[in-house]
N, C-alpha and C. Protein backbone atom coordinates (compact mmCIF):
# COMPACT_ATOMS: atom_id res chain seq x y z
N MET A 1 21.09 22.87 -10.94
CA MET A 1 22.23 22.24 -9.89
C MET A 1 22.25 23.59 -8.98
N THR A 2 22.92 23.06 -7.82
CA THR A 2 22.24 24.13 -6.68
C THR A 2 23.82 24.86 -6.73
N LEU A 3 23.83 26.11 -6.15
CA LEU A 3 24.98 26.84 -5.66
C LEU A 3 25.64 26.30 -4.80
N ALA A 4 27.18 26.40 -5.22
CA ALA A 4 27.79 25.80 -4.14
C ALA A 4 28.57 27.06 -3.33
N LYS A 5 28.42 26.41 -1.87
CA LYS A 5 28.93 27.98 -0.75
C LYS A 5 30.39 27.58 -0.68
N ALA A 6 31.31 28.64 -0.43
CA ALA A 6 32.39 29.11 0.05
C ALA A 6 32.59 28.54 1.50
N LYS A 7 33.21 27.72 1.88
CA LYS A 7 33.41 27.38 3.25
C LYS A 7 34.79 27.25 4.17
N LEU A 8 34.66 27.83 5.39
CA LEU A 8 36.30 27.11 6.03
C LEU A 8 35.69 25.98 6.97
N ILE A 9 36.29 25.11 6.85
CA ILE A 9 36.15 23.59 7.63
C ILE A 9 37.08 23.59 8.63
N ASP A 10 36.42 23.36 9.72
CA ASP A 10 37.41 23.17 10.91
C ASP A 10 37.84 21.55 11.17
N VAL A 11 39.40 21.50 10.86
CA VAL A 11 39.79 19.94 10.42
C VAL A 11 39.69 19.42 11.46
N GLU A 12 39.48 19.86 12.70
CA GLU A 12 39.36 18.96 14.13
C GLU A 12 37.94 18.40 14.28
N TYR A 13 36.96 18.93 13.31
CA TYR A 13 35.52 18.43 13.24
C TYR A 13 35.49 18.13 12.06
N GLN A 14 36.13 17.86 10.94
CA GLN A 14 36.01 17.34 9.47
C GLN A 14 35.52 16.36 9.32
N SER A 15 35.45 15.37 9.95
CA SER A 15 35.01 14.20 9.73
C SER A 15 33.79 13.82 10.73
N SER A 16 33.13 14.52 11.42
CA SER A 16 32.39 14.33 12.66
C SER A 16 31.19 15.01 12.16
N GLU A 17 30.20 14.64 12.77
CA GLU A 17 28.54 15.17 12.56
C GLU A 17 28.47 16.86 13.13
N ASN A 18 29.61 17.44 13.98
CA ASN A 18 29.58 18.51 14.77
C ASN A 18 30.08 19.41 13.61
N HIS A 19 29.20 20.39 12.68
CA HIS A 19 29.75 21.25 12.19
C HIS A 19 29.54 22.68 12.48
N GLU A 20 29.03 23.03 13.71
CA GLU A 20 28.61 24.44 14.15
C GLU A 20 30.25 25.20 14.29
N ASN A 21 31.32 24.67 14.12
CA ASN A 21 32.68 25.21 14.21
C ASN A 21 33.05 25.91 12.50
N HIS A 22 32.51 25.10 11.93
CA HIS A 22 32.57 25.26 10.37
C HIS A 22 31.93 26.61 9.90
N ILE A 23 32.93 27.24 9.06
CA ILE A 23 32.10 28.92 8.70
C ILE A 23 31.60 28.53 7.36
N GLU A 24 30.60 28.83 6.96
CA GLU A 24 29.72 28.71 5.54
C GLU A 24 29.68 30.07 5.08
N PHE A 25 30.10 30.71 3.99
CA PHE A 25 29.97 32.09 3.72
C PHE A 25 28.47 32.20 3.37
N MET A 26 28.09 33.39 3.64
CA MET A 26 26.61 33.85 3.40
C MET A 26 26.37 33.91 1.99
N PHE A 27 27.35 34.70 1.48
CA PHE A 27 27.60 34.87 -0.21
C PHE A 27 28.76 34.65 -0.50
N ASN A 28 29.09 34.15 -1.78
CA ASN A 28 30.48 33.78 -2.05
C ASN A 28 31.30 34.80 -2.45
N PRO A 29 32.64 34.57 -2.29
CA PRO A 29 33.79 35.87 -2.79
C PRO A 29 33.55 36.08 -3.97
N ASN A 30 33.96 37.19 -4.35
CA ASN A 30 33.83 37.87 -5.67
C ASN A 30 35.43 37.24 -6.50
N GLY A 31 36.33 37.27 -5.61
CA GLY A 31 37.58 36.61 -6.02
C GLY A 31 38.59 36.21 -5.05
N LEU A 32 39.71 35.47 -5.46
CA LEU A 32 40.55 34.77 -4.33
C LEU A 32 41.74 35.23 -5.07
N ASN A 33 42.67 36.11 -4.03
CA ASN A 33 43.74 36.54 -4.48
C ASN A 33 44.85 36.06 -3.27
N PHE A 34 45.83 34.97 -4.52
CA PHE A 34 46.79 33.98 -3.89
C PHE A 34 48.03 34.62 -3.79
N SER A 35 48.80 34.57 -3.07
CA SER A 35 50.22 34.96 -3.25
C SER A 35 51.27 33.79 -2.60
N ARG A 36 52.59 34.31 -2.71
CA ARG A 36 53.63 33.66 -2.43
C ARG A 36 54.85 33.85 -2.36
N SER A 37 55.89 33.86 -1.55
CA SER A 37 57.14 34.57 -1.79
C SER A 37 58.24 33.86 -1.43
N ILE A 38 59.53 33.91 -1.59
CA ILE A 38 60.54 33.10 -1.49
C ILE A 38 61.38 33.98 -0.11
N SER A 39 61.82 33.24 0.81
CA SER A 39 62.71 34.29 1.47
C SER A 39 64.18 33.92 1.18
N LEU A 40 64.72 35.34 1.26
CA LEU A 40 66.02 35.30 0.88
C LEU A 40 67.15 35.86 2.03
N GLU A 41 68.27 35.55 1.83
CA GLU A 41 69.29 36.48 2.72
C GLU A 41 70.35 37.12 1.61
N GLN A 42 70.50 38.62 1.98
CA GLN A 42 71.25 39.21 1.36
C GLN A 42 72.29 39.83 2.24
N PRO A 43 73.27 39.08 2.42
CA PRO A 43 74.39 39.56 3.85
C PRO A 43 74.86 40.99 3.10
N GLN A 44 74.82 41.94 4.13
CA GLN A 44 75.37 43.61 3.70
C GLN A 44 76.91 43.20 3.66
N GLY A 45 77.56 44.00 2.21
CA GLY A 45 78.67 43.81 2.03
C GLY A 45 79.25 42.87 1.09
N ALA A 46 78.31 41.67 1.18
CA ALA A 46 78.76 40.82 -0.01
C ALA A 46 78.53 40.88 -1.29
N SER A 47 79.28 40.74 -2.06
CA SER A 47 78.71 40.92 -3.62
C SER A 47 79.42 39.88 -4.76
N THR A 48 79.03 40.07 -5.53
CA THR A 48 79.75 38.82 -6.45
C THR A 48 80.46 39.49 -7.24
N ASN A 49 81.53 39.00 -8.11
CA ASN A 49 82.57 39.51 -8.98
C ASN A 49 81.96 40.36 -9.48
N THR A 50 81.06 40.83 -10.07
CA THR A 50 80.41 41.69 -11.28
C THR A 50 79.61 42.96 -10.09
N GLY A 51 79.90 42.78 -8.54
CA GLY A 51 79.68 43.94 -8.11
C GLY A 51 78.01 43.67 -7.22
N GLU A 52 77.57 42.59 -8.06
CA GLU A 52 76.03 42.34 -7.58
C GLU A 52 75.85 42.00 -6.15
N PRO A 53 74.91 42.34 -5.52
CA PRO A 53 74.70 41.29 -4.05
C PRO A 53 74.52 40.21 -4.25
N LYS A 54 75.38 39.30 -3.16
CA LYS A 54 75.06 37.88 -3.24
C LYS A 54 73.74 37.77 -2.66
N THR A 55 73.33 36.78 -3.04
CA THR A 55 71.61 36.13 -2.80
C THR A 55 71.67 35.03 -2.19
N SER A 56 71.40 34.56 -1.39
CA SER A 56 71.25 33.04 -0.93
C SER A 56 69.62 32.68 -0.76
N PHE A 57 69.10 31.92 -1.43
CA PHE A 57 67.56 31.51 -1.70
C PHE A 57 67.60 30.88 -0.35
N LYS A 58 66.85 30.86 0.42
CA LYS A 58 66.23 29.96 1.64
C LYS A 58 65.14 28.95 1.86
N HIS A 59 63.68 29.51 1.36
CA HIS A 59 62.91 28.70 1.50
C HIS A 59 61.73 29.04 0.85
N PRO A 60 60.83 28.26 0.39
CA PRO A 60 59.34 29.24 -0.33
C PRO A 60 58.79 29.51 0.98
N ASN A 61 58.22 30.25 1.02
CA ASN A 61 57.32 30.43 2.39
C ASN A 61 55.64 30.06 1.77
N PRO A 62 54.87 29.94 2.88
CA PRO A 62 53.92 29.29 2.63
C PRO A 62 52.86 30.04 1.89
N TYR A 63 51.79 29.69 1.01
CA TYR A 63 50.92 30.36 0.59
C TYR A 63 49.98 31.23 1.26
N SER A 64 49.88 32.43 0.76
CA SER A 64 48.72 33.08 1.47
C SER A 64 47.33 33.60 0.52
N LEU A 65 46.12 33.49 1.06
CA LEU A 65 44.77 33.66 0.61
C LEU A 65 44.68 34.85 1.12
N LYS A 66 43.89 35.80 0.24
CA LYS A 66 43.19 37.20 0.91
C LYS A 66 42.06 37.21 -0.06
N ILE A 67 40.87 37.20 1.14
CA ILE A 67 39.32 37.23 0.46
C ILE A 67 38.96 38.34 1.14
N SER A 68 38.72 39.49 0.18
CA SER A 68 37.99 40.68 0.56
C SER A 68 36.52 40.65 0.45
N ASN A 69 36.17 41.70 1.11
CA ASN A 69 34.50 41.84 1.09
C ASN A 69 33.39 40.73 0.96
N ILE A 70 33.90 39.96 1.99
CA ILE A 70 32.97 38.95 2.37
C ILE A 70 31.66 39.77 2.73
N VAL A 71 30.45 39.50 2.15
CA VAL A 71 29.49 40.20 2.62
C VAL A 71 28.73 39.13 3.90
N LEU A 72 28.25 39.85 5.07
CA LEU A 72 27.20 39.17 5.73
C LEU A 72 26.29 40.15 5.62
N ASP A 73 25.18 39.45 5.56
CA ASP A 73 23.95 40.54 5.64
C ASP A 73 22.54 39.75 6.61
N THR A 74 21.97 40.22 7.29
CA THR A 74 20.82 39.69 8.15
C THR A 74 19.69 41.05 7.92
N TYR A 75 19.84 41.88 7.20
CA TYR A 75 18.78 42.90 7.43
C TYR A 75 17.66 42.09 7.00
N GLU A 76 17.14 41.44 5.97
CA GLU A 76 15.86 40.70 5.89
C GLU A 76 15.05 40.02 7.46
N ASP A 77 16.18 39.42 8.15
CA ASP A 77 15.71 38.62 9.48
C ASP A 77 15.86 39.62 10.66
N GLN A 78 15.75 40.80 10.44
CA GLN A 78 15.96 41.95 11.55
C GLN A 78 16.96 41.47 12.58
N THR A 79 17.96 40.75 12.38
CA THR A 79 18.61 40.10 13.70
C THR A 79 19.87 41.02 13.30
N SER A 80 21.00 40.77 14.62
CA SER A 80 22.03 41.03 14.62
C SER A 80 22.87 40.45 13.82
N VAL A 81 23.77 40.96 13.06
CA VAL A 81 25.02 40.07 12.35
C VAL A 81 26.40 39.93 13.00
N ARG A 82 26.51 40.56 14.54
CA ARG A 82 26.94 40.00 15.30
C ARG A 82 27.80 38.57 15.78
N PRO A 83 26.58 37.51 15.74
CA PRO A 83 26.99 36.28 15.79
C PRO A 83 27.79 35.33 14.56
N TYR A 84 27.71 36.08 13.57
CA TYR A 84 28.10 35.45 11.75
C TYR A 84 29.79 36.07 12.37
N ILE A 85 29.87 37.38 13.05
CA ILE A 85 31.01 37.76 12.92
C ILE A 85 31.92 37.13 13.86
N ARG A 86 31.36 36.48 15.10
CA ARG A 86 32.08 35.85 15.92
C ARG A 86 32.59 34.69 15.79
N LYS A 87 31.98 34.18 14.63
CA LYS A 87 32.54 32.94 13.67
C LYS A 87 33.70 32.74 13.38
N PHE A 88 33.68 34.05 12.55
CA PHE A 88 34.98 34.37 12.07
C PHE A 88 36.12 34.80 12.89
N ALA A 89 35.55 35.76 13.97
CA ALA A 89 36.66 36.03 14.94
C ALA A 89 37.15 34.96 15.92
N ARG A 90 36.35 33.64 15.52
CA ARG A 90 37.06 32.53 16.31
C ARG A 90 38.39 32.33 16.04
N GLY A 91 38.34 32.33 14.65
CA GLY A 91 39.65 31.87 13.99
C GLY A 91 40.84 32.46 13.82
N VAL A 92 40.87 33.60 15.09
CA VAL A 92 42.09 34.53 15.32
C VAL A 92 42.15 34.74 16.86
N GLU A 93 41.37 33.51 17.45
CA GLU A 93 41.81 33.17 19.01
C GLU A 93 42.23 31.62 19.05
N PHE A 94 43.03 31.86 20.16
CA PHE A 94 43.55 30.32 20.29
C PHE A 94 42.38 29.41 20.94
N MET A 95 42.63 28.21 20.66
CA MET A 95 41.60 27.17 21.18
C MET A 95 41.97 26.85 22.32
N GLN A 96 40.62 26.38 22.91
CA GLN A 96 40.89 26.23 24.43
C GLN A 96 41.42 25.23 24.96
N GLU A 97 41.38 24.06 24.11
CA GLU A 97 42.23 22.82 24.19
C GLU A 97 43.29 22.83 24.44
N GLY A 98 44.17 21.67 24.92
CA GLY A 98 45.30 21.65 24.89
C GLY A 98 46.35 22.43 26.10
N ASP A 99 47.44 22.23 26.25
CA ASP A 99 48.24 23.22 27.22
C ASP A 99 48.65 24.15 26.91
N GLU A 100 49.10 25.28 27.78
CA GLU A 100 49.46 26.49 27.44
C GLU A 100 50.57 26.32 26.13
N ALA A 101 51.57 25.51 26.39
CA ALA A 101 52.65 25.74 25.19
C ALA A 101 52.20 25.48 23.82
N ASN A 102 51.38 24.57 23.94
CA ASN A 102 50.66 23.99 22.45
C ASN A 102 49.34 25.08 22.03
N LYS A 103 49.03 26.06 22.38
CA LYS A 103 47.69 26.73 21.93
C LYS A 103 48.01 27.31 20.73
N ARG A 104 47.16 27.25 19.84
CA ARG A 104 47.21 27.54 18.59
C ARG A 104 45.69 28.12 18.12
N PRO A 105 45.57 28.91 17.01
CA PRO A 105 44.45 29.06 16.35
C PRO A 105 43.94 27.91 15.96
N PRO A 106 42.45 27.80 15.42
CA PRO A 106 42.08 26.61 14.98
C PRO A 106 42.59 26.47 13.50
N ILE A 107 42.64 25.49 12.72
CA ILE A 107 42.93 25.20 11.37
C ILE A 107 41.98 24.50 10.70
N TYR A 108 41.68 25.37 9.49
CA TYR A 108 40.91 24.97 8.50
C TYR A 108 41.12 24.62 7.10
N LEU A 109 40.08 24.35 6.24
CA LEU A 109 40.08 23.69 4.83
C LEU A 109 39.48 24.74 4.35
N PHE A 110 40.04 25.47 3.34
CA PHE A 110 39.14 26.55 2.69
C PHE A 110 38.65 26.01 1.76
N THR A 111 37.42 25.48 1.06
CA THR A 111 36.74 24.90 0.44
C THR A 111 35.80 25.80 -0.62
N TRP A 112 35.43 25.37 -1.81
CA TRP A 112 34.06 25.94 -2.50
C TRP A 112 33.88 25.00 -3.28
N GLY A 113 32.70 24.62 -2.98
CA GLY A 113 31.96 23.54 -3.89
C GLY A 113 33.02 21.97 -3.55
N ALA A 114 33.30 21.47 -4.72
CA ALA A 114 34.50 20.37 -4.78
C ALA A 114 35.64 20.44 -4.60
N ASN A 115 36.26 22.02 -4.97
CA ASN A 115 37.34 22.50 -4.56
C ASN A 115 37.87 22.76 -3.37
N GLU A 116 39.09 21.99 -2.89
CA GLU A 116 39.73 22.17 -1.70
C GLU A 116 40.96 23.28 -2.39
N TYR A 117 40.91 24.43 -1.42
CA TYR A 117 42.29 25.04 -1.97
C TYR A 117 43.25 25.10 -1.20
N LEU A 118 43.20 25.22 -0.05
CA LEU A 118 44.21 25.78 1.32
C LEU A 118 44.12 24.91 2.64
N ARG A 119 44.95 24.21 3.04
CA ARG A 119 44.88 24.29 4.77
C ARG A 119 45.38 25.10 5.31
N CYS A 120 44.75 26.04 6.27
CA CYS A 120 45.46 26.96 6.67
C CYS A 120 44.80 27.50 7.84
N PHE A 121 45.38 28.72 8.45
CA PHE A 121 44.67 29.42 9.63
C PHE A 121 44.07 30.25 9.29
N VAL A 122 43.29 31.60 10.40
CA VAL A 122 43.19 32.80 9.88
C VAL A 122 44.28 33.67 10.23
N LYS A 123 45.04 34.56 9.74
CA LYS A 123 45.93 35.21 9.99
C LYS A 123 45.83 36.75 10.42
N THR A 124 44.57 37.06 9.21
CA THR A 124 44.22 38.49 9.90
C THR A 124 42.80 38.57 9.44
N LEU A 125 42.13 39.27 10.45
CA LEU A 125 40.58 39.21 10.28
C LEU A 125 40.41 41.21 10.46
N SER A 126 39.33 41.59 9.29
CA SER A 126 39.16 42.87 9.78
C SER A 126 37.71 42.88 9.34
N PHE A 127 36.73 43.81 9.55
CA PHE A 127 35.42 43.90 9.34
C PHE A 127 34.74 45.19 9.81
N LYS A 128 33.87 45.41 8.83
CA LYS A 128 33.23 46.88 8.86
C LYS A 128 31.80 46.83 8.84
N LEU A 129 31.05 47.52 10.10
CA LEU A 129 29.75 47.33 9.74
C LEU A 129 29.22 48.27 8.93
N THR A 130 28.16 47.85 8.21
CA THR A 130 27.92 49.11 7.26
C THR A 130 26.57 49.06 7.27
N LEU A 131 25.38 48.59 7.89
CA LEU A 131 24.08 49.11 8.07
C LEU A 131 23.66 48.40 9.10
N PHE A 132 22.48 49.54 9.77
CA PHE A 132 21.90 49.22 11.35
C PHE A 132 20.67 49.50 11.30
N LEU A 133 20.07 48.81 12.31
CA LEU A 133 18.69 49.04 12.13
C LEU A 133 18.43 50.42 13.03
N PRO A 134 17.06 50.94 13.40
CA PRO A 134 17.10 52.27 13.96
C PRO A 134 17.45 52.10 15.39
N ASP A 135 17.49 51.14 16.07
CA ASP A 135 17.95 50.46 17.46
C ASP A 135 19.49 50.60 17.54
N GLY A 136 20.13 50.64 16.45
CA GLY A 136 21.38 50.48 16.42
C GLY A 136 22.14 48.92 16.24
N THR A 137 21.44 47.96 16.26
CA THR A 137 21.61 46.50 15.68
C THR A 137 21.94 46.73 14.09
N PRO A 138 23.67 46.03 14.30
CA PRO A 138 24.31 46.04 12.92
C PRO A 138 23.40 44.70 12.37
N VAL A 139 23.23 44.89 10.75
CA VAL A 139 22.55 43.82 10.14
C VAL A 139 23.73 43.88 8.74
N ARG A 140 24.31 44.51 8.76
CA ARG A 140 25.25 44.11 7.62
C ARG A 140 26.72 44.27 7.75
N ALA A 141 27.55 43.34 6.97
CA ALA A 141 29.06 43.73 7.29
C ALA A 141 29.74 43.43 6.31
N LEU A 142 31.11 44.04 6.36
CA LEU A 142 31.90 43.30 5.03
C LEU A 142 33.43 42.86 5.96
N VAL A 143 33.63 42.07 5.63
CA VAL A 143 34.97 41.10 6.42
C VAL A 143 35.75 40.73 5.14
N ASP A 144 37.10 41.02 5.67
CA ASP A 144 38.22 40.80 5.04
C ASP A 144 39.34 39.62 5.72
N LEU A 145 39.34 38.70 4.80
CA LEU A 145 40.30 37.75 5.77
C LEU A 145 41.59 37.62 5.10
N THR A 146 42.79 37.01 5.57
CA THR A 146 43.95 36.49 5.00
C THR A 146 44.23 35.09 5.55
N LEU A 147 44.30 34.55 4.91
CA LEU A 147 44.35 32.92 5.45
C LEU A 147 46.02 32.76 5.25
N GLU A 148 46.43 31.80 5.87
CA GLU A 148 47.85 31.32 5.82
C GLU A 148 48.18 29.79 5.66
N GLN A 149 48.57 29.13 4.71
CA GLN A 149 48.70 27.94 4.45
C GLN A 149 49.46 27.30 5.69
N VAL A 150 48.96 26.47 6.16
CA VAL A 150 49.82 25.40 7.24
C VAL A 150 49.82 23.54 6.67
N ASP A 151 51.30 23.03 7.11
CA ASP A 151 51.71 21.94 6.64
C ASP A 151 50.53 21.16 7.74
N GLU A 152 50.49 19.64 7.10
CA GLU A 152 49.64 18.56 7.54
C GLU A 152 50.61 18.63 9.36
N PRO A 153 49.66 17.98 10.00
CA PRO A 153 50.66 17.53 10.81
C PRO A 153 51.61 16.66 11.17
N THR A 154 52.57 16.56 11.53
CA THR A 154 53.33 15.42 12.19
C THR A 154 53.21 14.77 12.82
N PRO A 155 53.57 13.57 12.87
CA PRO A 155 53.28 12.52 13.77
C PRO A 155 54.08 12.51 15.12
N ARG A 156 53.72 12.33 16.03
CA ARG A 156 53.85 12.53 17.72
C ARG A 156 54.94 11.38 17.79
N PRO A 157 55.79 11.66 18.43
CA PRO A 157 56.50 10.23 19.12
C PRO A 157 55.72 9.09 19.20
N GLY A 158 56.19 7.97 18.97
CA GLY A 158 55.30 6.92 19.47
C GLY A 158 54.68 6.42 18.10
N GLN A 159 53.97 7.79 17.52
CA GLN A 159 53.26 7.28 16.11
C GLN A 159 53.97 6.99 15.01
N SER A 160 53.85 5.91 14.02
CA SER A 160 54.92 5.52 13.36
C SER A 160 54.16 6.50 11.68
N ALA A 161 54.75 7.07 11.24
CA ALA A 161 54.81 7.97 9.81
C ALA A 161 54.74 7.09 8.85
N PRO A 162 53.94 6.65 7.88
CA PRO A 162 54.04 6.07 6.60
C PRO A 162 55.23 6.35 5.87
N ALA A 163 55.50 5.36 5.29
CA ALA A 163 57.07 5.33 4.36
C ALA A 163 56.29 5.97 2.60
N LEU A 164 56.92 6.95 2.18
CA LEU A 164 56.19 7.69 1.36
C LEU A 164 57.78 7.43 0.07
N SER A 165 56.88 7.39 -1.04
CA SER A 165 57.92 7.53 -2.07
C SER A 165 57.81 9.08 -2.51
N ALA A 166 59.01 8.96 -3.50
CA ALA A 166 59.28 10.43 -3.98
C ALA A 166 58.23 11.47 -4.39
N ALA A 167 57.63 10.46 -5.28
CA ALA A 167 56.30 11.25 -5.78
C ALA A 167 55.40 11.53 -4.77
N GLN A 168 54.97 10.76 -3.64
CA GLN A 168 54.58 11.08 -2.45
C GLN A 168 54.93 12.50 -1.84
N ARG A 169 55.52 12.51 -1.52
CA ARG A 169 56.59 13.28 -0.86
C ARG A 169 56.31 14.96 -1.62
N ALA A 170 56.60 14.90 -2.75
CA ALA A 170 56.56 15.80 -3.62
C ALA A 170 55.04 16.23 -3.50
N ALA A 171 54.00 15.59 -3.48
CA ALA A 171 52.65 15.95 -3.92
C ALA A 171 52.03 16.27 -2.30
N SER A 172 53.01 16.07 -1.36
CA SER A 172 52.34 16.61 -0.09
C SER A 172 52.87 17.93 0.43
N GLY A 173 52.51 18.07 1.59
CA GLY A 173 52.33 19.40 2.31
C GLY A 173 52.57 21.21 1.39
N ARG A 174 53.38 21.68 1.34
CA ARG A 174 53.43 22.99 0.73
C ARG A 174 53.29 22.85 -0.62
N GLN A 175 54.00 21.89 -0.97
CA GLN A 175 54.41 21.55 -2.64
C GLN A 175 52.91 21.49 -3.22
N ARG A 176 51.90 21.02 -2.43
CA ARG A 176 50.55 20.58 -3.12
C ARG A 176 49.92 21.47 -2.97
N PHE A 177 49.35 22.17 -3.86
CA PHE A 177 48.39 23.80 -3.87
C PHE A 177 47.31 23.38 -4.96
N MET A 178 46.11 23.62 -5.08
CA MET A 178 45.05 23.86 -5.78
C MET A 178 45.29 22.60 -6.76
């Protein structure tokens, strides 16, 4: 059995042969930290008959996935780790295609083996260079990512949306997770 690698698959190129925009992790993560919250509204001064603050539940927020200490290591090759960091950095830059009003970062599908975890974008990226060759070339880095869930795209005007059953609607979008 071969070791399955964690990946961020660029959904724009998911079905094509072009895999250069996908990010395959050199080493698999040690853990995946998922979180989700609910948006609330607590108007100032509003309270219940018992004196408790009134709370209105707005909506669930998208899932967030934090992956810490992703190891990038090119020491054995004696080459710079910067090209690998650039692939992750591309995730926090706007795509070049499209008009100015529709600029957005790339959308990924985070997978690990046969498991599809999250359709997402890279919300935050931080990295730390930890090992250098004598000439100053960085050969090891630790990367931290925060990924945030995004919905499937909605059809544009002129496109017809398929009629979904209640069960299909419940299983789609942000309701579908893991």
